[in-house]
Amino acid sequence: MSRLGIEDGIIDRIYEAAIISELWPEVLDNLSHAISSAGGILFTASAGEIRWTSSPGTAEFMRAFVDGGWDKRNSRATRLAPMKYPGFVHDLDIFTREEVDRDPFYTELCRPKCELSEGCPFGPDRGDWSYQAAALAGGSE
């Protein structure tokens, strides 16, 4: 086990999932359990097309995100893109608690499925959007 409590073989599993995409749900689920998260998501949005995979714990959330057109009204992406930050960001790094409590992205979509999340954006400067997220259940901060 590593210092984060993640099994040592997880790095190998991530490399395998990069080649065999069907492995991502299990890999994301294992990572989520290791960090006490409700689930994990990988998604890309390019030219209006969204592709995603997730652990079982966040699949319902992502279906609601896609089916509800939240990619077009995602306040998280609107705040993150101009930052061009190359690392993980928590929702409360880009919003105040008061903004989260008023923002439809959180009040209509995220609750009660998950309260807050952390994620890492990739490539918003190219016009594409990729994001890895870990949903924190029950309002964990």
C-alpha atoms as a PDB file:
ATOM      1  CA  MET A   1       0.000   0.000   0.000  1.00  0.00           C
ATOM      2  CA  SER A   2       1.129   3.536  -0.712  1.00  0.00           C
ATOM      3  CA  ARG A   3       0.979   6.361   1.786  1.00  0.00           C
ATOM      4  CA  LEU A   4      -2.456   7.339   0.409  1.00  0.00           C
ATOM      5  CA  GLY A   5      -3.806   3.867   1.038  1.00  0.00           C
ATOM      6  CA  ILE A   6      -4.016   3.172  -2.675  1.00  0.00           C
ATOM      7  CA  GLU A   7      -2.904  -0.309  -3.610  1.00  0.00           C
ATOM      8  CA  ASP A   8       0.502  -0.395  -5.240  1.00  0.00           C
ATOM      9  CA  GLY A   9      -0.834  -2.047  -8.414  1.00  0.00           C
ATOM     10  CA  ILE A  10      -3.198   0.809  -9.223  1.00  0.00           C
ATOM     11  CA  ILE A  11      -0.628   2.553 -11.429  1.00  0.00           C
ATOM     12  CA  ASP A  12      -0.423  -0.584 -13.570  1.00  0.00           C
ATOM     13  CA  ARG A  13      -4.234  -0.691 -13.746  1.00  0.00           C
ATOM     14  CA  ILE A  14      -4.330   2.948 -14.891  1.00  0.00           C
ATOM     15  CA  TYR A  15      -1.914   2.152 -17.726  1.00  0.00           C
ATOM     16  CA  GLU A  16      -4.014  -0.880 -18.660  1.00  0.00           C
ATOM     17  CA  ALA A  17      -7.186   1.219 -18.674  1.00  0.00           C
ATOM     18  CA  ALA A  18      -5.507   3.737 -20.958  1.00  0.00           C
ATOM     19  CA  ILE A  19      -5.326   0.929 -23.527  1.00  0.00           C
ATOM     20  CA  ILE A  20      -8.435  -1.061 -22.573  1.00  0.00           C
ATOM     21  CA  SER A  21     -11.035   1.607 -21.849  1.00  0.00           C
ATOM     22  CA  GLU A  22     -13.535  -0.885 -20.424  1.00  0.00           C
ATOM     23  CA  LEU A  23     -11.312  -1.077 -17.318  1.00  0.00           C
ATOM     24  CA  TRP A  24     -11.820   2.597 -16.350  1.00  0.00           C
ATOM     25  CA  PRO A  25     -14.986   2.140 -14.270  1.00  0.00           C
ATOM     26  CA  GLU A  26     -13.256  -0.378 -12.000  1.00  0.00           C
ATOM     27  CA  VAL A  27     -10.061   1.700 -11.798  1.00  0.00           C
ATOM     28  CA  LEU A  28     -12.030   4.845 -10.952  1.00  0.00           C
ATOM     29  CA  ASP A  29     -14.030   2.912  -8.379  1.00  0.00           C
ATOM     30  CA  ASN A  30     -10.848   1.612  -6.717  1.00  0.00           C
ATOM     31  CA  LEU A  31      -9.359   5.115  -6.621  1.00  0.00           C
ATOM     32  CA  SER A  32     -12.603   6.538  -5.248  1.00  0.00           C
ATOM     33  CA  HIS A  33     -12.716   4.042  -2.405  1.00  0.00           C
ATOM     34  CA  ALA A  34      -9.082   4.778  -1.560  1.00  0.00           C
ATOM     35  CA  ILE A  35      -9.813   8.492  -1.088  1.00  0.00           C
ATOM     36  CA  SER A  36     -13.289   8.078   0.464  1.00  0.00           C
ATOM     37  CA  SER A  37     -15.017   9.576  -2.560  1.00  0.00           C
ATOM     38  CA  ALA A  38     -18.455   8.777  -3.939  1.00  0.00           C
ATOM     39  CA  GLY A  39     -16.948   8.091  -7.336  1.00  0.00           C
ATOM     40  CA  GLY A  40     -14.725   9.183 -10.162  1.00  0.00           C
ATOM     41  CA  ILE A  41     -15.365  10.538 -13.643  1.00  0.00           C
ATOM     42  CA  LEU A  42     -13.317  11.010 -16.785  1.00  0.00           C
ATOM     43  CA  PHE A  43     -14.906  13.038 -19.541  1.00  0.00           C
ATOM     44  CA  THR A  44     -14.091  15.019 -22.625  1.00  0.00           C
ATOM     45  CA  ALA A  45     -16.156  17.565 -24.480  1.00  0.00           C
ATOM     46  CA  SER A  46     -15.149  18.604 -27.961  1.00  0.00           C
ATOM     47  CA  ALA A  47     -17.215  20.161 -30.731  1.00  0.00           C
ATOM     48  CA  GLY A  48     -20.392  19.542 -28.747  1.00  0.00           C
ATOM     49  CA  GLU A  49     -19.722  15.845 -28.241  1.00  0.00           C
ATOM     50  CA  ILE A  50     -19.298  14.450 -24.749  1.00  0.00           C
ATOM     51  CA  ARG A  51     -17.563  11.167 -24.041  1.00  0.00           C
ATOM     52  CA  TRP A  52     -17.346   9.876 -20.525  1.00  0.00           C
ATOM     53  CA  THR A  53     -16.779   6.968 -18.242  1.00  0.00           C
ATOM     54  CA  SER A  54     -17.191   6.758 -14.506  1.00  0.00           C
ATOM     55  CA  SER A  55     -17.199   4.549 -11.502  1.00  0.00           C
ATOM     56  CA  PRO A  56     -20.627   3.105 -10.667  1.00  0.00           C
ATOM     57  CA  GLY A  57     -21.102   5.672  -7.884  1.00  0.00           C
ATOM     58  CA  THR A  58     -21.109   8.623 -10.300  1.00  0.00           C
ATOM     59  CA  ALA A  59     -22.739   7.100 -13.396  1.00  0.00           C
ATOM     60  CA  GLU A  60     -26.210   8.442 -12.522  1.00  0.00           C
ATOM     61  CA  PHE A  61     -24.767  11.921 -12.019  1.00  0.00           C
ATOM     62  CA  MET A  62     -23.040  11.855 -15.425  1.00  0.00           C
ATOM     63  CA  ARG A  63     -26.176  10.633 -17.184  1.00  0.00           C
ATOM     64  CA  ALA A  64     -28.065  13.553 -15.624  1.00  0.00           C
ATOM     65  CA  PHE A  65     -25.229  15.924 -16.620  1.00  0.00           C
ATOM     66  CA  VAL A  66     -25.317  14.833 -20.266  1.00  0.00           C
ATOM     67  CA  ASP A  67     -29.082  14.344 -20.604  1.00  0.00           C
ATOM     68  CA  GLY A  68     -29.778  17.686 -18.918  1.00  0.00           C
ATOM     69  CA  GLY A  69     -27.450  19.655 -21.189  1.00  0.00           C
ATOM     70  CA  TRP A  70     -25.328  20.773 -18.240  1.00  0.00           C
ATOM     71  CA  ASP A  71     -22.227  20.866 -20.425  1.00  0.00           C
ATOM     72  CA  LYS A  72     -23.677  24.038 -21.964  1.00  0.00           C
ATOM     73  CA  ARG A  73     -24.401  25.651 -18.588  1.00  0.00           C
ATOM     74  CA  ASN A  74     -21.599  24.326 -16.447  1.00  0.00           C
ATOM     75  CA  SER A  75     -20.484  27.133 -14.152  1.00  0.00           C
ATOM     76  CA  ARG A  76     -17.551  25.018 -12.943  1.00  0.00           C
ATOM     77  CA  ALA A  77     -16.093  24.839 -16.465  1.00  0.00           C
ATOM     78  CA  THR A  78     -16.729  28.551 -16.987  1.00  0.00           C
ATOM     79  CA  ARG A  79     -14.646  29.358 -13.915  1.00  0.00           C
ATOM     80  CA  LEU A  80     -11.915  26.791 -14.513  1.00  0.00           C
ATOM     81  CA  ALA A  81     -11.159  27.411 -18.194  1.00  0.00           C
ATOM     82  CA  PRO A  82      -9.666  30.919 -17.835  1.00  0.00           C
ATOM     83  CA  MET A  83      -7.493  29.768 -14.923  1.00  0.00           C
ATOM     84  CA  LYS A  84      -5.562  27.263 -17.068  1.00  0.00           C
ATOM     85  CA  TYR A  85      -4.525  25.715 -13.779  1.00  0.00           C
ATOM     86  CA  PRO A  86      -2.489  22.534 -14.334  1.00  0.00           C
ATOM     87  CA  GLY A  87      -3.585  20.666 -11.223  1.00  0.00           C
ATOM     88  CA  PHE A  88      -6.462  19.588  -9.046  1.00  0.00           C
ATOM     89  CA  VAL A  89      -8.983  22.182  -7.962  1.00  0.00           C
ATOM     90  CA  HIS A  90     -11.713  21.861  -5.335  1.00  0.00           C
ATOM     91  CA  ASP A  91     -15.058  23.529  -5.963  1.00  0.00           C
ATOM     92  CA  LEU A  92     -14.462  25.838  -3.006  1.00  0.00           C
ATOM     93  CA  ASP A  93     -11.231  27.018  -4.663  1.00  0.00           C
ATOM     94  CA  ILE A  94     -13.295  28.642  -7.402  1.00  0.00           C
ATOM     95  CA  PHE A  95     -16.618  29.353  -5.659  1.00  0.00           C
ATOM     96  CA  THR A  96     -17.571  30.654  -2.251  1.00  0.00           C
ATOM     97  CA  ARG A  97     -19.949  28.531  -0.185  1.00  0.00           C
ATOM     98  CA  GLU A  98     -22.625  31.181  -0.803  1.00  0.00           C
ATOM     99  CA  GLU A  99     -22.141  30.918  -4.577  1.00  0.00           C
ATOM    100  CA  VAL A 100     -22.426  27.129  -4.409  1.00  0.00           C
ATOM    101  CA  ASP A 101     -25.643  27.467  -2.409  1.00  0.00           C
ATOM    102  CA  ARG A 102     -27.154  29.713  -5.153  1.00  0.00           C
ATOM    103  CA  ASP A 103     -25.707  28.193  -8.323  1.00  0.00           C
ATOM    104  CA  PRO A 104     -28.159  26.023 -10.332  1.00  0.00           C
ATOM    105  CA  PHE A 105     -25.320  23.679 -11.334  1.00  0.00           C
ATOM    106  CA  TYR A 106     -25.029  22.707  -7.677  1.00  0.00           C
ATOM    107  CA  THR A 107     -28.589  23.202  -6.439  1.00  0.00           C
ATOM    108  CA  GLU A 108     -30.329  21.452  -9.346  1.00  0.00           C
ATOM    109  CA  LEU A 109     -27.775  18.915 -10.568  1.00  0.00           C
ATOM    110  CA  CYS A 110     -25.242  18.083  -7.901  1.00  0.00           C
ATOM    111  CA  ARG A 111     -27.460  17.780  -4.872  1.00  0.00           C
ATOM    112  CA  PRO A 112     -28.248  15.212  -3.540  1.00  0.00           C
ATOM    113  CA  LYS A 113     -25.998  13.049  -5.744  1.00  0.00           C
ATOM    114  CA  CYS A 114     -22.861  14.753  -4.527  1.00  0.00           C
ATOM    115  CA  GLU A 115     -22.163  18.012  -2.799  1.00  0.00           C
ATOM    116  CA  LEU A 116     -18.723  19.095  -3.931  1.00  0.00           C
ATOM    117  CA  SER A 117     -15.920  17.716  -6.016  1.00  0.00           C
ATOM    118  CA  GLU A 118     -12.282  18.031  -6.882  1.00  0.00           C
ATOM    119  CA  GLY A 119     -10.970  17.726 -10.386  1.00  0.00           C
ATOM    120  CA  CYS A 120      -8.236  18.449 -12.824  1.00  0.00           C
ATOM    121  CA  PRO A 121      -9.002  20.133 -16.163  1.00  0.00           C
ATOM    122  CA  PHE A 122      -6.980  19.179 -19.231  1.00  0.00           C
ATOM    123  CA  GLY A 123      -6.706  21.202 -22.424  1.00  0.00           C
ATOM    124  CA  PRO A 124      -9.341  23.961 -22.102  1.00  0.00           C
ATOM    125  CA  ASP A 125      -6.966  26.300 -23.943  1.00  0.00           C
ATOM    126  CA  ARG A 126      -7.366  24.147 -27.088  1.00  0.00           C
ATOM    127  CA  GLY A 127     -11.143  24.483 -27.136  1.00  0.00           C
ATOM    128  CA  ASP A 128     -11.569  20.923 -25.899  1.00  0.00           C
ATOM    129  CA  TRP A 129     -12.456  20.103 -22.354  1.00  0.00           C
ATOM    130  CA  SER A 130     -11.354  17.072 -20.391  1.00  0.00           C
ATOM    131  CA  TYR A 131     -11.895  16.690 -16.713  1.00  0.00           C
ATOM    132  CA  GLN A 132     -11.194  14.136 -14.058  1.00  0.00           C
ATOM    133  CA  ALA A 133     -13.370  14.494 -11.006  1.00  0.00           C
ATOM    134  CA  ALA A 134     -13.820  12.876  -7.654  1.00  0.00           C
ATOM    135  CA  ALA A 135     -17.266  13.490  -6.234  1.00  0.00           C
ATOM    136  CA  LEU A 136     -17.388  14.043  -2.520  1.00  0.00           C
ATOM    137  CA  ALA A 137     -20.616  12.637  -1.156  1.00  0.00           C
ATOM    138  CA  GLY A 138     -22.738  14.263   1.490  1.00  0.00           C
ATOM    139  CA  GLY A 139     -21.154  17.662   1.521  1.00  0.00           C
ATOM    140  CA  SER A 140     -17.656  16.579   2.506  1.00  0.00           C
ATOM    141  CA  GLU A 141     -15.061  19.319   2.276  1.00  0.00           C
END
